[in-house]
Amino acid sequence: MAATNKITYVGVLSEGLTISVKNMASIAGAVVLWLLTIWVPYINVGTTIAIQTMPVELSKGKVISPLFIFDEKYRKYMGEYFTLTGLICMSVFPALLFMLVPGIIISIGWSLAYYILVDKGVAPGEALVRSNNATSGYKWIIFGINVTIGIIFMILAKIFGLIPGTFGTIMILIAFIAVSVYALSCSAVMYRNLTAEDTPAPAATTAEA
């Protein structure tokens, strides 16, 4: 029996919209709290990690609390977070110099690494390996989803840019926030589905004579 796709282009965009609508206020609240505390040493590292890995919380299918960013578990991964960031930067930057495409492919392959690091508690190198394995066979779908979300924002920005004055600028900002929430929600769907354990098919039984 052929394996079913873990994610589809339409499926991610559709469910991502549902999650984003349900969590719009919570995500906005979390970002506001992050901005208000970004100047607090040590605390700001944990809240930044929480914001970056928010799709892990969103993937659980419930309305998140904005206060989740202050959970001490995020500060626990401070060293691993910076190590992972260093590994990604050292690898992706040289790859981008080779006609851009290799860098994009590597970036997509490692796009789940931060989520896996925090959610699974594995070492940075292991998080990269697991992310690359999880996205194998789905990179074009992930790329298409990201491009679509970018196009949505550009269209909205173009429309609201026709509105003169401060009101038009405010509408563009609101569109940016809404699309960012949508992107996080789509990432939550992809992370949940791509890292879900495959359920083995039950063994066939034969009738006794």
Foldseek 3Di string as FASTA:
>chain_A
DDDDDLDALVRLLVQLVVLLVLAVVQLVLLVVVLVVCCVPPLQNQQLVLCNLLVLLVSLVPDHDHSVPSRPCLSSVCSVQVVVLVVVLCVPLVVLCVVVHVSSLQLCQQLVCLSNCCSPVVDHSVVSSVLSNVLCVPPSVSVVVNVVVLVVQLVVQLVVLVVDDDDVSVVSSVVSVSSSVSSVSSSVSSSNNRSNDDDDDDDDDDDDDD
